[in-house]
N, C-alpha and C. Protein backbone atom coordinates (compact mmCIF):
# COMPACT_ATOMS: atom_id res chain seq x y z
N MET A 1 13.34 -216.87 59.08
CA MET A 1 13.17 -217.17 60.48
C MET A 1 12.71 -215.92 61.20
N ASP A 2 11.85 -216.12 62.19
CA ASP A 2 11.40 -214.99 62.99
C ASP A 2 12.59 -214.35 63.69
N GLY A 3 12.56 -213.02 63.79
CA GLY A 3 13.67 -212.30 64.39
C GLY A 3 13.50 -212.09 65.88
N ASN A 4 13.57 -213.16 66.65
CA ASN A 4 13.48 -213.03 68.10
C ASN A 4 14.63 -213.81 68.75
N GLU A 5 14.68 -213.76 70.08
CA GLU A 5 15.80 -214.38 70.78
C GLU A 5 15.89 -215.89 70.55
N GLN A 6 14.77 -216.55 70.35
CA GLN A 6 14.78 -218.00 70.16
C GLN A 6 15.43 -218.40 68.83
N VAL A 7 15.50 -217.48 67.90
CA VAL A 7 16.05 -217.81 66.59
C VAL A 7 17.54 -218.14 66.68
N VAL A 8 18.25 -217.57 67.63
CA VAL A 8 19.69 -217.81 67.74
C VAL A 8 19.97 -219.28 68.01
N ARG A 9 19.20 -219.90 68.87
CA ARG A 9 19.36 -221.33 69.14
C ARG A 9 19.09 -222.15 67.88
N ARG A 10 18.06 -221.77 67.13
CA ARG A 10 17.73 -222.48 65.89
C ARG A 10 18.81 -222.30 64.84
N VAL A 11 19.42 -221.14 64.78
CA VAL A 11 20.52 -220.89 63.84
C VAL A 11 21.70 -221.81 64.18
N ARG A 12 22.08 -221.88 65.45
CA ARG A 12 23.20 -222.77 65.86
C ARG A 12 22.91 -224.21 65.48
N SER A 13 21.70 -224.66 65.75
CA SER A 13 21.33 -226.03 65.43
C SER A 13 21.38 -226.28 63.92
N TRP A 14 20.84 -225.36 63.14
CA TRP A 14 20.82 -225.51 61.68
C TRP A 14 22.23 -225.53 61.11
N LEU A 15 23.10 -224.68 61.64
CA LEU A 15 24.47 -224.59 61.11
C LEU A 15 25.28 -225.86 61.35
N THR A 16 24.97 -226.61 62.38
CA THR A 16 25.78 -227.79 62.70
C THR A 16 25.13 -229.09 62.28
N ARG A 17 24.06 -229.05 61.52
CA ARG A 17 23.41 -230.29 61.04
C ARG A 17 24.26 -231.02 60.00
N ASP A 18 25.01 -230.29 59.22
CA ASP A 18 25.80 -230.90 58.15
C ASP A 18 26.90 -231.78 58.76
N GLU A 19 27.09 -232.96 58.20
CA GLU A 19 28.09 -233.89 58.74
C GLU A 19 29.51 -233.34 58.65
N ARG A 20 29.76 -232.38 57.76
CA ARG A 20 31.09 -231.77 57.66
C ARG A 20 31.38 -230.83 58.82
N LEU A 21 30.37 -230.53 59.62
CA LEU A 21 30.54 -229.59 60.72
C LEU A 21 30.39 -230.25 62.08
N GLN A 22 30.86 -231.45 62.20
CA GLN A 22 30.84 -232.14 63.48
C GLN A 22 32.15 -231.84 64.21
N GLY A 23 32.11 -231.76 65.51
CA GLY A 23 33.31 -231.54 66.31
C GLY A 23 33.71 -230.08 66.38
N ASP A 24 35.03 -229.83 66.45
CA ASP A 24 35.55 -228.47 66.65
C ASP A 24 35.15 -227.51 65.55
N ARG A 25 35.18 -227.96 64.32
CA ARG A 25 34.83 -227.07 63.21
C ARG A 25 33.39 -226.57 63.36
N GLY A 26 32.49 -227.45 63.72
CA GLY A 26 31.10 -227.07 63.93
C GLY A 26 30.94 -226.09 65.07
N PHE A 27 31.74 -226.24 66.12
CA PHE A 27 31.68 -225.32 67.26
C PHE A 27 31.96 -223.90 66.81
N TRP A 28 33.02 -223.72 66.01
CA TRP A 28 33.40 -222.37 65.58
C TRP A 28 32.39 -221.78 64.61
N VAL A 29 31.87 -222.58 63.72
CA VAL A 29 30.85 -222.10 62.79
C VAL A 29 29.59 -221.69 63.56
N ALA A 30 29.18 -222.50 64.53
CA ALA A 30 28.01 -222.18 65.35
C ALA A 30 28.24 -220.91 66.17
N LEU A 31 29.45 -220.74 66.70
CA LEU A 31 29.77 -219.55 67.49
C LEU A 31 29.65 -218.29 66.64
N VAL A 32 30.29 -218.28 65.49
CA VAL A 32 30.24 -217.10 64.62
C VAL A 32 28.81 -216.86 64.12
N GLY A 33 28.13 -217.91 63.73
CA GLY A 33 26.75 -217.77 63.26
C GLY A 33 25.82 -217.23 64.33
N SER A 34 25.99 -217.70 65.56
CA SER A 34 25.12 -217.21 66.63
C SER A 34 25.43 -215.75 66.97
N GLU A 35 26.69 -215.34 66.88
CA GLU A 35 27.05 -213.93 67.09
C GLU A 35 26.41 -213.04 66.03
N LEU A 36 26.49 -213.47 64.77
CA LEU A 36 25.88 -212.70 63.69
C LEU A 36 24.37 -212.62 63.85
N ALA A 37 23.73 -213.73 64.18
CA ALA A 37 22.28 -213.74 64.38
C ALA A 37 21.87 -212.89 65.58
N THR A 38 22.64 -212.96 66.66
CA THR A 38 22.36 -212.14 67.84
C THR A 38 22.43 -210.67 67.50
N ASN A 39 23.47 -210.28 66.77
CA ASN A 39 23.60 -208.87 66.38
C ASN A 39 22.42 -208.43 65.51
N ALA A 40 21.97 -209.29 64.60
CA ALA A 40 20.84 -208.95 63.74
C ALA A 40 19.57 -208.75 64.56
N VAL A 41 19.35 -209.62 65.54
CA VAL A 41 18.15 -209.53 66.37
C VAL A 41 18.24 -208.35 67.33
N LYS A 42 19.41 -208.12 67.87
CA LYS A 42 19.57 -207.09 68.90
C LYS A 42 19.64 -205.67 68.34
N HIS A 43 20.22 -205.49 67.17
CA HIS A 43 20.53 -204.15 66.69
C HIS A 43 19.80 -203.71 65.43
N THR A 44 18.86 -204.50 64.92
CA THR A 44 18.17 -204.12 63.69
C THR A 44 16.66 -204.24 63.86
N ALA A 45 15.95 -203.87 62.82
CA ALA A 45 14.49 -203.97 62.83
C ALA A 45 14.02 -205.42 62.80
N SER A 46 14.92 -206.36 62.69
CA SER A 46 14.55 -207.79 62.71
C SER A 46 13.88 -208.19 64.02
N CYS A 47 14.13 -207.44 65.09
CA CYS A 47 13.54 -207.77 66.39
C CYS A 47 12.13 -207.21 66.54
N GLU A 48 11.70 -206.37 65.61
CA GLU A 48 10.39 -205.76 65.71
C GLU A 48 9.30 -206.71 65.22
N LYS A 49 8.05 -206.35 65.44
CA LYS A 49 6.93 -207.18 65.02
C LYS A 49 7.04 -207.49 63.53
N TYR A 50 6.90 -208.73 63.19
CA TYR A 50 7.02 -209.26 61.82
C TYR A 50 8.46 -209.22 61.29
N GLY A 51 9.41 -208.91 62.14
CA GLY A 51 10.81 -208.90 61.72
C GLY A 51 11.32 -210.31 61.48
N ARG A 52 12.27 -210.43 60.57
CA ARG A 52 12.83 -211.73 60.22
C ARG A 52 14.32 -211.59 59.94
N ILE A 53 15.01 -212.71 60.00
CA ILE A 53 16.40 -212.75 59.55
C ILE A 53 16.54 -213.94 58.60
N GLY A 54 17.53 -213.87 57.75
CA GLY A 54 17.86 -214.99 56.87
C GLY A 54 19.30 -215.40 57.11
N VAL A 55 19.57 -216.68 57.04
CA VAL A 55 20.91 -217.20 57.28
C VAL A 55 21.30 -218.09 56.11
N SER A 56 22.53 -217.92 55.63
CA SER A 56 23.02 -218.79 54.55
C SER A 56 24.39 -219.33 54.93
N MET A 57 24.71 -220.48 54.37
CA MET A 57 26.00 -221.12 54.63
C MET A 57 26.46 -221.77 53.33
N GLU A 58 27.73 -221.57 53.00
CA GLU A 58 28.29 -222.15 51.78
C GLU A 58 29.68 -222.68 52.10
N PHE A 59 29.97 -223.88 51.63
CA PHE A 59 31.30 -224.46 51.81
C PHE A 59 32.16 -224.06 50.62
N LEU A 60 33.30 -223.45 50.91
CA LEU A 60 34.25 -223.05 49.89
C LEU A 60 35.49 -223.93 50.05
N GLY A 61 35.50 -225.03 49.35
CA GLY A 61 36.59 -225.98 49.51
C GLY A 61 36.40 -226.80 50.78
N HIS A 62 37.53 -227.31 51.30
CA HIS A 62 37.48 -228.18 52.48
C HIS A 62 37.73 -227.46 53.79
N THR A 63 38.21 -226.23 53.73
CA THR A 63 38.61 -225.56 54.97
C THR A 63 37.89 -224.25 55.25
N THR A 64 37.01 -223.81 54.36
CA THR A 64 36.38 -222.50 54.53
C THR A 64 34.86 -222.61 54.46
N VAL A 65 34.21 -221.95 55.40
CA VAL A 65 32.75 -221.87 55.41
C VAL A 65 32.36 -220.40 55.35
N LEU A 66 31.52 -220.06 54.39
CA LEU A 66 31.05 -218.69 54.23
C LEU A 66 29.65 -218.59 54.85
N LEU A 67 29.53 -217.71 55.86
CA LEU A 67 28.24 -217.50 56.52
C LEU A 67 27.69 -216.14 56.13
N GLY A 68 26.38 -216.06 56.00
CA GLY A 68 25.73 -214.79 55.73
C GLY A 68 24.48 -214.66 56.56
N VAL A 69 24.23 -213.46 57.07
CA VAL A 69 23.00 -213.18 57.81
C VAL A 69 22.40 -211.92 57.21
N LEU A 70 21.15 -212.03 56.80
CA LEU A 70 20.41 -210.91 56.23
C LEU A 70 19.42 -210.42 57.28
N ASP A 71 19.45 -209.12 57.58
CA ASP A 71 18.52 -208.58 58.57
C ASP A 71 17.60 -207.55 57.91
N GLN A 72 16.71 -206.96 58.69
CA GLN A 72 15.71 -206.02 58.20
C GLN A 72 16.21 -204.57 58.14
N GLY A 73 17.48 -204.33 58.41
CA GLY A 73 17.99 -202.96 58.40
C GLY A 73 17.76 -202.26 59.71
N ARG A 74 18.01 -200.97 59.71
CA ARG A 74 17.92 -200.23 60.99
C ARG A 74 16.48 -200.17 61.49
N LYS A 75 16.38 -200.02 62.80
CA LYS A 75 15.07 -199.93 63.44
C LYS A 75 14.36 -198.66 62.98
N TRP A 76 13.03 -198.73 62.87
CA TRP A 76 12.24 -197.60 62.44
C TRP A 76 12.48 -196.40 63.37
N GLY A 77 12.92 -195.30 62.80
CA GLY A 77 13.18 -194.10 63.59
C GLY A 77 14.46 -194.16 64.40
N GLY A 78 15.21 -195.25 64.27
CA GLY A 78 16.44 -195.40 65.04
C GLY A 78 17.58 -194.59 64.43
N PRO A 79 18.66 -194.45 65.16
CA PRO A 79 19.79 -193.67 64.65
C PRO A 79 20.50 -194.39 63.51
N ARG A 80 21.12 -193.62 62.68
CA ARG A 80 21.96 -194.18 61.62
C ARG A 80 23.35 -194.38 62.23
N LEU A 81 23.70 -195.63 62.42
CA LEU A 81 24.97 -195.95 63.08
C LEU A 81 26.05 -196.22 62.06
N ARG A 82 27.26 -195.86 62.41
CA ARG A 82 28.41 -196.13 61.56
C ARG A 82 29.40 -196.96 62.36
N PRO A 83 30.08 -197.90 61.70
CA PRO A 83 31.08 -198.71 62.42
C PRO A 83 32.19 -197.83 62.97
N ARG A 84 32.69 -198.21 64.12
CA ARG A 84 33.84 -197.50 64.70
C ARG A 84 34.70 -198.49 65.46
N VAL A 85 35.96 -198.21 65.51
CA VAL A 85 36.91 -199.06 66.20
C VAL A 85 36.99 -198.61 67.65
N MET A 86 36.81 -199.55 68.57
CA MET A 86 36.93 -199.24 69.99
C MET A 86 38.29 -199.72 70.47
N VAL A 87 39.05 -198.84 71.05
CA VAL A 87 40.37 -199.17 71.55
C VAL A 87 40.26 -199.45 73.05
N PRO A 88 40.58 -200.70 73.48
CA PRO A 88 40.48 -201.01 74.91
C PRO A 88 41.59 -200.34 75.70
N GLU A 89 41.30 -200.06 76.95
CA GLU A 89 42.30 -199.50 77.85
C GLU A 89 43.27 -200.60 78.26
N SER A 90 44.51 -200.33 78.26
CA SER A 90 45.60 -201.23 78.65
C SER A 90 45.18 -202.65 79.06
N GLY A 91 44.91 -203.49 78.08
CA GLY A 91 44.61 -204.89 78.34
C GLY A 91 43.17 -205.20 78.72
N GLU A 92 42.32 -204.21 78.83
CA GLU A 92 40.92 -204.43 79.18
C GLU A 92 40.17 -204.95 77.94
N PRO A 93 39.31 -205.95 78.12
CA PRO A 93 38.51 -206.43 76.99
C PRO A 93 37.44 -205.40 76.63
N CYS A 94 37.07 -205.34 75.36
CA CYS A 94 36.02 -204.43 74.92
C CYS A 94 34.67 -204.94 75.41
N PRO A 95 33.81 -204.04 75.89
CA PRO A 95 32.48 -204.47 76.33
C PRO A 95 31.59 -204.80 75.13
N GLY A 96 30.57 -205.62 75.37
CA GLY A 96 29.57 -205.85 74.34
C GLY A 96 29.82 -207.03 73.44
N GLY A 97 30.55 -208.03 73.87
CA GLY A 97 30.72 -209.23 73.06
C GLY A 97 32.05 -209.25 72.33
N ARG A 98 32.09 -210.00 71.27
CA ARG A 98 33.34 -210.21 70.53
C ARG A 98 33.54 -209.19 69.42
N GLY A 99 32.59 -208.29 69.26
CA GLY A 99 32.78 -207.19 68.31
C GLY A 99 32.54 -207.53 66.87
N LEU A 100 31.72 -208.55 66.58
CA LEU A 100 31.43 -208.87 65.20
C LEU A 100 30.45 -207.89 64.63
């Protein structure tokens, strides 16, 4: 899929096509999938010209869904980022989304 903002809507739609993902379960799968796709488009080279992302979904039993998002890696010339834990101030929510 092309790595642009419109891809997030397509990812949500694709993730909830399966009849096993109707209702509440589908909502949560679509939410997590769209967060992962948004992060790939926003923070990687997937948003650049010819950038792409890949999305996979696998059912593990009746209660677990495994989602995967493949991106193009860091932006050309961009900084090498490392994960870090952000500690919110006394009850304040962390900025920048849900932190996936």
